[in-house]
Amino acid sequence: MNKETTKAETTNKERYEQGIETLVTMVGKEGAGMIEEIGTFFPDFAHTLIAFGFGDLYSRPALDLKQREMITLTSLITQGATEQLPFHLNAALNVGLSPEEIMELVLHCAGYAGFPKACGALNVVREVFKQRNIVVSPGGQA
């Protein structure tokens, strides 16, 4: 660290490093690389996404990563933001959310967000489960 580095810059660097560590825990190095790749197009956006999203939010101690992914999935489903679901479904599975819990979460969201958004989410869930070789029985059990 040179003499011109301010405390804010050091803190910002530490937030980024914590964010990368949390991100790798959630999605592995390959998944983290996908987000870091955003930095080749818009470095400030990637830095903020990692430092704030994963360094500040996901790294807080009151909730574990499984709980945070349940919140994130619910929020994405209620917004109809299906383009972000694959990333977070994989992260949710990686941090301990079971396929059955994910199916139940989608069903529960249908009651609050509506069936069109839940059906859109279920299509994404089916694709992620297929990619991960997760087979779900007709009763919703993996």
N, C-alpha and C. Protein backbone atom coordinates (compact mmCIF):
# COMPACT_ATOMS: atom_id res chain seq x y z
N MET A 1 0.85 -1.18 0.00
CA MET A 1 0.00 0.00 0.00
C MET A 1 0.89 1.24 0.00
N ASN A 2 0.68 2.12 -0.96
CA ASN A 2 1.50 3.33 -0.99
C ASN A 2 0.89 4.40 -0.09
N LYS A 3 1.63 5.47 0.15
CA LYS A 3 1.20 6.51 1.08
C LYS A 3 -0.06 7.22 0.61
N GLU A 4 -0.32 7.17 -0.69
CA GLU A 4 -1.49 7.88 -1.22
C GLU A 4 -2.77 7.07 -1.12
N THR A 5 -2.69 5.81 -0.74
CA THR A 5 -3.89 4.99 -0.61
C THR A 5 -4.65 5.43 0.63
N THR A 6 -5.90 5.76 0.45
CA THR A 6 -6.72 6.22 1.57
C THR A 6 -7.36 5.05 2.28
N LYS A 7 -7.89 5.30 3.48
CA LYS A 7 -8.60 4.28 4.23
C LYS A 7 -9.81 3.78 3.44
N ALA A 8 -10.51 4.68 2.76
CA ALA A 8 -11.67 4.29 1.95
C ALA A 8 -11.26 3.33 0.84
N GLU A 9 -10.13 3.57 0.20
CA GLU A 9 -9.67 2.68 -0.85
C GLU A 9 -9.30 1.31 -0.29
N THR A 10 -8.66 1.31 0.87
CA THR A 10 -8.32 0.04 1.51
C THR A 10 -9.60 -0.72 1.87
N THR A 11 -10.56 -0.02 2.44
CA THR A 11 -11.83 -0.63 2.78
C THR A 11 -12.52 -1.16 1.53
N ASN A 12 -12.48 -0.39 0.48
CA ASN A 12 -13.10 -0.80 -0.77
C ASN A 12 -12.43 -2.07 -1.30
N LYS A 13 -11.11 -2.13 -1.21
CA LYS A 13 -10.38 -3.32 -1.64
C LYS A 13 -10.75 -4.51 -0.78
N GLU A 14 -10.85 -4.31 0.52
CA GLU A 14 -11.21 -5.40 1.43
C GLU A 14 -12.63 -5.89 1.16
N ARG A 15 -13.54 -4.97 0.87
CA ARG A 15 -14.92 -5.34 0.53
C ARG A 15 -14.92 -6.19 -0.74
N TYR A 16 -14.13 -5.80 -1.72
CA TYR A 16 -14.04 -6.54 -2.97
C TYR A 16 -13.48 -7.94 -2.71
N GLU A 17 -12.41 -8.03 -1.94
CA GLU A 17 -11.80 -9.32 -1.64
C GLU A 17 -12.77 -10.22 -0.87
N GLN A 18 -13.51 -9.65 0.09
CA GLN A 18 -14.53 -10.42 0.80
C GLN A 18 -15.62 -10.87 -0.16
N GLY A 19 -15.99 -9.99 -1.08
CA GLY A 19 -17.00 -10.33 -2.08
C GLY A 19 -16.58 -11.48 -2.97
N ILE A 20 -15.33 -11.45 -3.42
CA ILE A 20 -14.83 -12.55 -4.25
C ILE A 20 -14.83 -13.85 -3.45
N GLU A 21 -14.40 -13.80 -2.21
CA GLU A 21 -14.37 -15.00 -1.37
C GLU A 21 -15.77 -15.58 -1.20
N THR A 22 -16.73 -14.74 -0.92
CA THR A 22 -18.12 -15.19 -0.76
C THR A 22 -18.66 -15.72 -2.07
N LEU A 23 -18.39 -15.02 -3.15
CA LEU A 23 -18.85 -15.43 -4.47
C LEU A 23 -18.30 -16.81 -4.85
N VAL A 24 -17.02 -17.04 -4.61
CA VAL A 24 -16.42 -18.34 -4.91
C VAL A 24 -17.05 -19.43 -4.04
N THR A 25 -17.35 -19.13 -2.80
CA THR A 25 -18.03 -20.09 -1.93
C THR A 25 -19.39 -20.47 -2.52
N MET A 26 -20.06 -19.50 -3.10
CA MET A 26 -21.40 -19.72 -3.62
C MET A 26 -21.42 -20.41 -4.98
N VAL A 27 -20.55 -20.02 -5.88
CA VAL A 27 -20.64 -20.50 -7.26
C VAL A 27 -19.34 -21.06 -7.81
N GLY A 28 -18.32 -21.14 -7.01
CA GLY A 28 -17.05 -21.66 -7.48
C GLY A 28 -16.29 -20.63 -8.31
N LYS A 29 -15.06 -20.98 -8.66
CA LYS A 29 -14.22 -20.05 -9.43
C LYS A 29 -14.79 -19.77 -10.81
N GLU A 30 -15.40 -20.78 -11.42
CA GLU A 30 -15.96 -20.58 -12.76
C GLU A 30 -17.11 -19.58 -12.71
N GLY A 31 -18.00 -19.73 -11.75
CA GLY A 31 -19.13 -18.80 -11.60
C GLY A 31 -18.65 -17.40 -11.28
N ALA A 32 -17.65 -17.29 -10.41
CA ALA A 32 -17.09 -15.98 -10.08
C ALA A 32 -16.45 -15.35 -11.31
N GLY A 33 -15.84 -16.17 -12.12
CA GLY A 33 -15.23 -15.67 -13.35
C GLY A 33 -16.24 -15.07 -14.30
N MET A 34 -17.46 -15.62 -14.29
CA MET A 34 -18.51 -15.07 -15.15
C MET A 34 -18.82 -13.63 -14.74
N ILE A 35 -18.86 -13.38 -13.44
CA ILE A 35 -19.14 -12.02 -12.96
C ILE A 35 -17.94 -11.12 -13.19
N GLU A 36 -16.75 -11.65 -12.92
CA GLU A 36 -15.56 -10.84 -13.16
C GLU A 36 -15.42 -10.46 -14.63
N GLU A 37 -15.95 -11.30 -15.52
CA GLU A 37 -15.89 -11.01 -16.95
C GLU A 37 -16.66 -9.75 -17.30
N ILE A 38 -17.68 -9.44 -16.51
CA ILE A 38 -18.41 -8.19 -16.71
C ILE A 38 -17.42 -7.02 -16.67
N GLY A 39 -16.38 -7.19 -15.85
CA GLY A 39 -15.37 -6.15 -15.70
C GLY A 39 -14.61 -5.84 -16.97
N THR A 40 -14.57 -6.77 -17.91
CA THR A 40 -13.90 -6.47 -19.17
C THR A 40 -14.71 -5.47 -19.99
N PHE A 41 -16.01 -5.42 -19.74
CA PHE A 41 -16.88 -4.48 -20.45
C PHE A 41 -17.10 -3.21 -19.64
N PHE A 42 -17.32 -3.37 -18.31
CA PHE A 42 -17.63 -2.22 -17.46
C PHE A 42 -17.03 -2.48 -16.07
N PRO A 43 -15.73 -2.19 -15.90
CA PRO A 43 -15.02 -2.50 -14.67
C PRO A 43 -15.67 -1.96 -13.40
N ASP A 44 -16.17 -0.73 -13.43
CA ASP A 44 -16.77 -0.16 -12.23
C ASP A 44 -18.04 -0.90 -11.82
N PHE A 45 -18.81 -1.36 -12.79
CA PHE A 45 -20.03 -2.12 -12.48
C PHE A 45 -19.66 -3.44 -11.83
N ALA A 46 -18.70 -4.14 -12.40
CA ALA A 46 -18.28 -5.44 -11.84
C ALA A 46 -17.73 -5.27 -10.43
N HIS A 47 -16.92 -4.24 -10.24
CA HIS A 47 -16.36 -3.99 -8.92
C HIS A 47 -17.47 -3.73 -7.90
N THR A 48 -18.42 -2.88 -8.26
CA THR A 48 -19.52 -2.56 -7.35
C THR A 48 -20.38 -3.78 -7.07
N LEU A 49 -20.66 -4.55 -8.10
CA LEU A 49 -21.45 -5.78 -7.93
C LEU A 49 -20.79 -6.72 -6.94
N ILE A 50 -19.49 -6.91 -7.06
CA ILE A 50 -18.77 -7.82 -6.18
C ILE A 50 -18.59 -7.23 -4.79
N ALA A 51 -18.12 -5.99 -4.71
CA ALA A 51 -17.86 -5.37 -3.40
C ALA A 51 -19.14 -5.15 -2.61
N PHE A 52 -20.16 -4.61 -3.25
CA PHE A 52 -21.40 -4.33 -2.54
C PHE A 52 -22.26 -5.59 -2.42
N GLY A 53 -22.56 -6.20 -3.57
CA GLY A 53 -23.48 -7.34 -3.56
C GLY A 53 -22.99 -8.51 -2.73
N PHE A 54 -21.74 -8.89 -2.95
CA PHE A 54 -21.23 -10.09 -2.27
C PHE A 54 -20.34 -9.76 -1.08
N GLY A 55 -19.68 -8.61 -1.11
CA GLY A 55 -18.84 -8.21 0.02
C GLY A 55 -19.63 -7.61 1.16
N ASP A 56 -20.61 -6.78 0.83
CA ASP A 56 -21.41 -6.12 1.86
C ASP A 56 -22.67 -6.93 2.20
N LEU A 57 -23.46 -7.28 1.21
CA LEU A 57 -24.74 -7.92 1.49
C LEU A 57 -24.62 -9.41 1.84
N TYR A 58 -24.09 -10.19 0.94
CA TYR A 58 -24.05 -11.64 1.16
C TYR A 58 -23.12 -12.05 2.30
N SER A 59 -22.19 -11.21 2.67
CA SER A 59 -21.19 -11.56 3.70
C SER A 59 -21.60 -11.15 5.11
N ARG A 60 -22.75 -10.54 5.26
CA ARG A 60 -23.20 -10.14 6.60
C ARG A 60 -23.49 -11.39 7.44
N PRO A 61 -23.28 -11.31 8.75
CA PRO A 61 -23.36 -12.52 9.58
C PRO A 61 -24.75 -12.96 10.04
N ALA A 62 -25.77 -12.12 10.00
CA ALA A 62 -27.06 -12.47 10.61
C ALA A 62 -27.80 -13.59 9.88
N LEU A 63 -27.60 -13.72 8.57
CA LEU A 63 -28.23 -14.78 7.77
C LEU A 63 -27.14 -15.60 7.10
N ASP A 64 -27.39 -16.88 6.94
CA ASP A 64 -26.42 -17.70 6.21
C ASP A 64 -26.69 -17.61 4.71
N LEU A 65 -25.79 -18.18 3.92
CA LEU A 65 -25.92 -18.08 2.47
C LEU A 65 -27.17 -18.77 1.95
N LYS A 66 -27.57 -19.87 2.58
CA LYS A 66 -28.79 -20.57 2.17
C LYS A 66 -30.00 -19.66 2.36
N GLN A 67 -30.09 -19.01 3.50
CA GLN A 67 -31.21 -18.09 3.75
C GLN A 67 -31.18 -16.93 2.77
N ARG A 68 -30.00 -16.41 2.51
CA ARG A 68 -29.89 -15.28 1.58
C ARG A 68 -30.30 -15.68 0.16
N GLU A 69 -29.95 -16.89 -0.24
CA GLU A 69 -30.36 -17.34 -1.58
C GLU A 69 -31.86 -17.56 -1.64
N MET A 70 -32.48 -18.01 -0.56
CA MET A 70 -33.94 -18.14 -0.55
C MET A 70 -34.59 -16.77 -0.76
N ILE A 71 -34.06 -15.77 -0.11
CA ILE A 71 -34.58 -14.41 -0.27
C ILE A 71 -34.36 -13.93 -1.70
N THR A 72 -33.17 -14.16 -2.22
CA THR A 72 -32.85 -13.72 -3.58
C THR A 72 -33.74 -14.40 -4.61
N LEU A 73 -33.89 -15.72 -4.50
CA LEU A 73 -34.75 -16.44 -5.44
C LEU A 73 -36.18 -15.91 -5.39
N THR A 74 -36.69 -15.70 -4.19
CA THR A 74 -38.04 -15.18 -4.02
C THR A 74 -38.17 -13.81 -4.68
N SER A 75 -37.19 -12.96 -4.45
CA SER A 75 -37.22 -11.62 -5.04
C SER A 75 -37.18 -11.69 -6.56
N LEU A 76 -36.31 -12.52 -7.09
CA LEU A 76 -36.21 -12.64 -8.55
C LEU A 76 -37.50 -13.17 -9.16
N ILE A 77 -38.10 -14.17 -8.51
CA ILE A 77 -39.35 -14.73 -9.02
C ILE A 77 -40.46 -13.68 -8.99
N THR A 78 -40.57 -12.95 -7.89
CA THR A 78 -41.64 -11.96 -7.80
C THR A 78 -41.45 -10.81 -8.79
N GLN A 79 -40.22 -10.55 -9.18
CA GLN A 79 -39.95 -9.52 -10.19
C GLN A 79 -40.11 -10.06 -11.61
N GLY A 80 -40.13 -11.38 -11.75
CA GLY A 80 -40.13 -11.98 -13.08
C GLY A 80 -38.76 -11.88 -13.74
N ALA A 81 -37.72 -11.77 -12.93
CA ALA A 81 -36.35 -11.60 -13.42
C ALA A 81 -35.70 -12.96 -13.68
N THR A 82 -36.26 -13.70 -14.63
CA THR A 82 -35.80 -15.06 -14.88
C THR A 82 -34.38 -15.13 -15.45
N GLU A 83 -33.88 -14.04 -16.03
CA GLU A 83 -32.53 -14.08 -16.60
C GLU A 83 -31.46 -14.24 -15.52
N GLN A 84 -31.76 -13.86 -14.29
CA GLN A 84 -30.81 -14.02 -13.18
C GLN A 84 -30.99 -15.32 -12.42
N LEU A 85 -32.10 -16.03 -12.67
CA LEU A 85 -32.39 -17.24 -11.91
C LEU A 85 -31.36 -18.36 -12.05
N PRO A 86 -30.85 -18.66 -13.24
CA PRO A 86 -29.90 -19.77 -13.32
C PRO A 86 -28.69 -19.59 -12.40
N PHE A 87 -28.12 -18.40 -12.39
CA PHE A 87 -26.97 -18.13 -11.53
C PHE A 87 -27.33 -18.40 -10.07
N HIS A 88 -28.46 -17.86 -9.63
CA HIS A 88 -28.83 -17.98 -8.22
C HIS A 88 -29.39 -19.35 -7.86
N LEU A 89 -29.98 -20.05 -8.81
CA LEU A 89 -30.40 -21.43 -8.54
C LEU A 89 -29.18 -22.31 -8.32
N ASN A 90 -28.17 -22.14 -9.15
CA ASN A 90 -26.93 -22.90 -8.96
C ASN A 90 -26.27 -22.54 -7.63
N ALA A 91 -26.24 -21.26 -7.31
CA ALA A 91 -25.67 -20.84 -6.04
C ALA A 91 -26.46 -21.44 -4.88
N ALA A 92 -27.78 -21.41 -4.97
CA ALA A 92 -28.64 -21.95 -3.91
C ALA A 92 -28.36 -23.44 -3.68
N LEU A 93 -28.25 -24.19 -4.76
CA LEU A 93 -27.94 -25.62 -4.64
C LEU A 93 -26.55 -25.81 -4.03
N ASN A 94 -25.61 -24.96 -4.42
CA ASN A 94 -24.24 -25.07 -3.92
C ASN A 94 -24.12 -24.77 -2.43
N VAL A 95 -24.99 -23.91 -1.90
CA VAL A 95 -24.90 -23.54 -0.49
C VAL A 95 -25.88 -24.32 0.39
N GLY A 96 -26.52 -25.34 -0.18
CA GLY A 96 -27.30 -26.25 0.66
C GLY A 96 -28.80 -26.26 0.49
N LEU A 97 -29.35 -25.45 -0.40
CA LEU A 97 -30.78 -25.51 -0.64
C LEU A 97 -31.06 -26.78 -1.43
N SER A 98 -32.01 -27.56 -0.99
CA SER A 98 -32.32 -28.82 -1.67
C SER A 98 -33.24 -28.57 -2.86
N PRO A 99 -33.25 -29.47 -3.83
CA PRO A 99 -34.19 -29.33 -4.94
C PRO A 99 -35.64 -29.24 -4.46
N GLU A 100 -35.97 -30.00 -3.43
CA GLU A 100 -37.33 -29.97 -2.88
C GLU A 100 -37.66 -28.59 -2.31
N GLU A 101 -36.70 -27.98 -1.63
CA GLU A 101 -36.92 -26.64 -1.08
C GLU A 101 -37.11 -25.62 -2.19
N ILE A 102 -36.36 -25.78 -3.28
CA ILE A 102 -36.50 -24.86 -4.41
C ILE A 102 -37.88 -25.01 -5.04
N MET A 103 -38.33 -26.25 -5.22
CA MET A 103 -39.65 -26.49 -5.80
C MET A 103 -40.74 -25.87 -4.92
N GLU A 104 -40.60 -26.05 -3.63
CA GLU A 104 -41.58 -25.50 -2.68
C GLU A 104 -41.56 -23.97 -2.70
N LEU A 105 -40.37 -23.40 -2.83
CA LEU A 105 -40.24 -21.95 -2.91
C LEU A 105 -40.99 -21.41 -4.13
N VAL A 106 -40.83 -22.07 -5.28
CA VAL A 106 -41.52 -21.63 -6.49
C VAL A 106 -43.03 -21.75 -6.31
N LEU A 107 -43.48 -22.84 -5.73
CA LEU A 107 -44.91 -23.03 -5.49
C LEU A 107 -45.44 -21.94 -4.56
N HIS A 108 -44.70 -21.67 -3.51
CA HIS A 108 -45.12 -20.64 -2.55
C HIS A 108 -45.20 -19.27 -3.22
N CYS A 109 -44.24 -18.96 -4.08
CA CYS A 109 -44.26 -17.68 -4.78
C CYS A 109 -45.47 -17.55 -5.70
N ALA A 110 -45.98 -18.66 -6.20
CA ALA A 110 -47.16 -18.60 -7.07
C ALA A 110 -48.33 -17.93 -6.36
N GLY A 111 -48.45 -18.15 -5.06
CA GLY A 111 -49.53 -17.56 -4.29
C GLY A 111 -49.38 -16.07 -4.08
N TYR A 112 -48.18 -15.57 -4.14
CA TYR A 112 -47.94 -14.15 -3.89
C TYR A 112 -47.57 -13.37 -5.14
N ALA A 113 -46.84 -13.99 -6.04
CA ALA A 113 -46.39 -13.30 -7.25
C ALA A 113 -47.25 -13.63 -8.46
N GLY A 114 -48.01 -14.71 -8.36
CA GLY A 114 -48.87 -15.13 -9.45
C GLY A 114 -48.28 -16.32 -10.21
N PHE A 115 -49.18 -17.07 -10.81
CA PHE A 115 -48.76 -18.27 -11.53
C PHE A 115 -47.92 -17.96 -12.77
N PRO A 116 -48.17 -16.89 -13.52
CA PRO A 116 -47.30 -16.64 -14.68
C PRO A 116 -45.83 -16.49 -14.30
N LYS A 117 -45.54 -15.75 -13.23
CA LYS A 117 -44.14 -15.59 -12.82
C LYS A 117 -43.59 -16.90 -12.26
N ALA A 118 -44.40 -17.62 -11.52
CA ALA A 118 -43.95 -18.91 -10.98
C ALA A 118 -43.72 -19.92 -12.09
N CYS A 119 -44.56 -19.92 -13.11
CA CYS A 119 -44.37 -20.83 -14.24
C CYS A 119 -43.09 -20.50 -15.01
N GLY A 120 -42.84 -19.21 -15.19
CA GLY A 120 -41.59 -18.80 -15.82
C GLY A 120 -40.39 -19.25 -15.02
N ALA A 121 -40.47 -19.12 -13.71
CA ALA A 121 -39.38 -19.56 -12.83
C ALA A 121 -39.23 -21.07 -12.89
N LEU A 122 -40.35 -21.78 -12.90
CA LEU A 122 -40.30 -23.25 -12.93
C LEU A 122 -39.62 -23.75 -14.20
N ASN A 123 -39.83 -23.06 -15.30
CA ASN A 123 -39.14 -23.44 -16.54
C ASN A 123 -37.63 -23.32 -16.38
N VAL A 124 -37.18 -22.27 -15.71
CA VAL A 124 -35.75 -22.09 -15.47
C VAL A 124 -35.24 -23.16 -14.50
N VAL A 125 -36.00 -23.44 -13.47
CA VAL A 125 -35.63 -24.49 -12.50
C VAL A 125 -35.46 -25.82 -13.23
N ARG A 126 -36.40 -26.16 -14.08
CA ARG A 126 -36.31 -27.43 -14.84
C ARG A 126 -35.02 -27.49 -15.64
N GLU A 127 -34.64 -26.39 -16.28
CA GLU A 127 -33.43 -26.37 -17.09
C GLU A 127 -32.18 -26.51 -16.23
N VAL A 128 -32.12 -25.81 -15.11
CA VAL A 128 -30.96 -25.92 -14.21
C VAL A 128 -30.87 -27.34 -13.65
N PHE A 129 -31.99 -27.89 -13.23
CA PHE A 129 -31.98 -29.26 -12.71
C PHE A 129 -31.51 -30.23 -13.79
N LYS A 130 -31.96 -30.04 -15.02
CA LYS A 130 -31.54 -30.90 -16.14
C LYS A 130 -30.02 -30.80 -16.33
N GLN A 131 -29.49 -29.59 -16.32
CA GLN A 131 -28.04 -29.39 -16.48
C GLN A 131 -27.25 -30.05 -15.36
N ARG A 132 -27.83 -30.10 -14.18
CA ARG A 132 -27.14 -30.67 -13.01
C ARG A 132 -27.52 -32.13 -12.77
N ASN A 133 -28.29 -32.72 -13.69
CA ASN A 133 -28.73 -34.11 -13.57
C ASN A 133 -29.53 -34.36 -12.29
N ILE A 134 -30.37 -33.41 -11.93
CA ILE A 134 -31.27 -33.57 -10.79
C ILE A 134 -32.60 -34.02 -11.33
N VAL A 135 -33.03 -35.19 -10.91
CA VAL A 135 -34.30 -35.73 -11.37
C VAL A 135 -35.31 -35.55 -10.26
N VAL A 136 -36.46 -34.98 -10.62
CA VAL A 136 -37.54 -34.74 -9.66
C VAL A 136 -38.69 -35.66 -9.99
N SER A 137 -39.21 -36.34 -8.99
CA SER A 137 -40.33 -37.25 -9.19
C SER A 137 -41.61 -36.44 -9.40
N PRO A 138 -42.67 -37.07 -9.88
CA PRO A 138 -43.93 -36.36 -10.09
C PRO A 138 -44.46 -35.68 -8.82
N GLY A 139 -44.07 -36.18 -7.65
CA GLY A 139 -44.50 -35.57 -6.39
C GLY A 139 -43.63 -34.40 -5.98
N GLY A 140 -42.63 -34.06 -6.77
CA GLY A 140 -41.76 -32.93 -6.46
C GLY A 140 -40.55 -33.28 -5.63
N GLN A 141 -40.25 -34.56 -5.49
CA GLN A 141 -39.10 -35.00 -4.70
C GLN A 141 -37.93 -35.33 -5.64
N ALA A 142 -36.75 -34.90 -5.24
CA ALA A 142 -35.56 -35.20 -6.05
C ALA A 142 -34.97 -36.54 -5.63
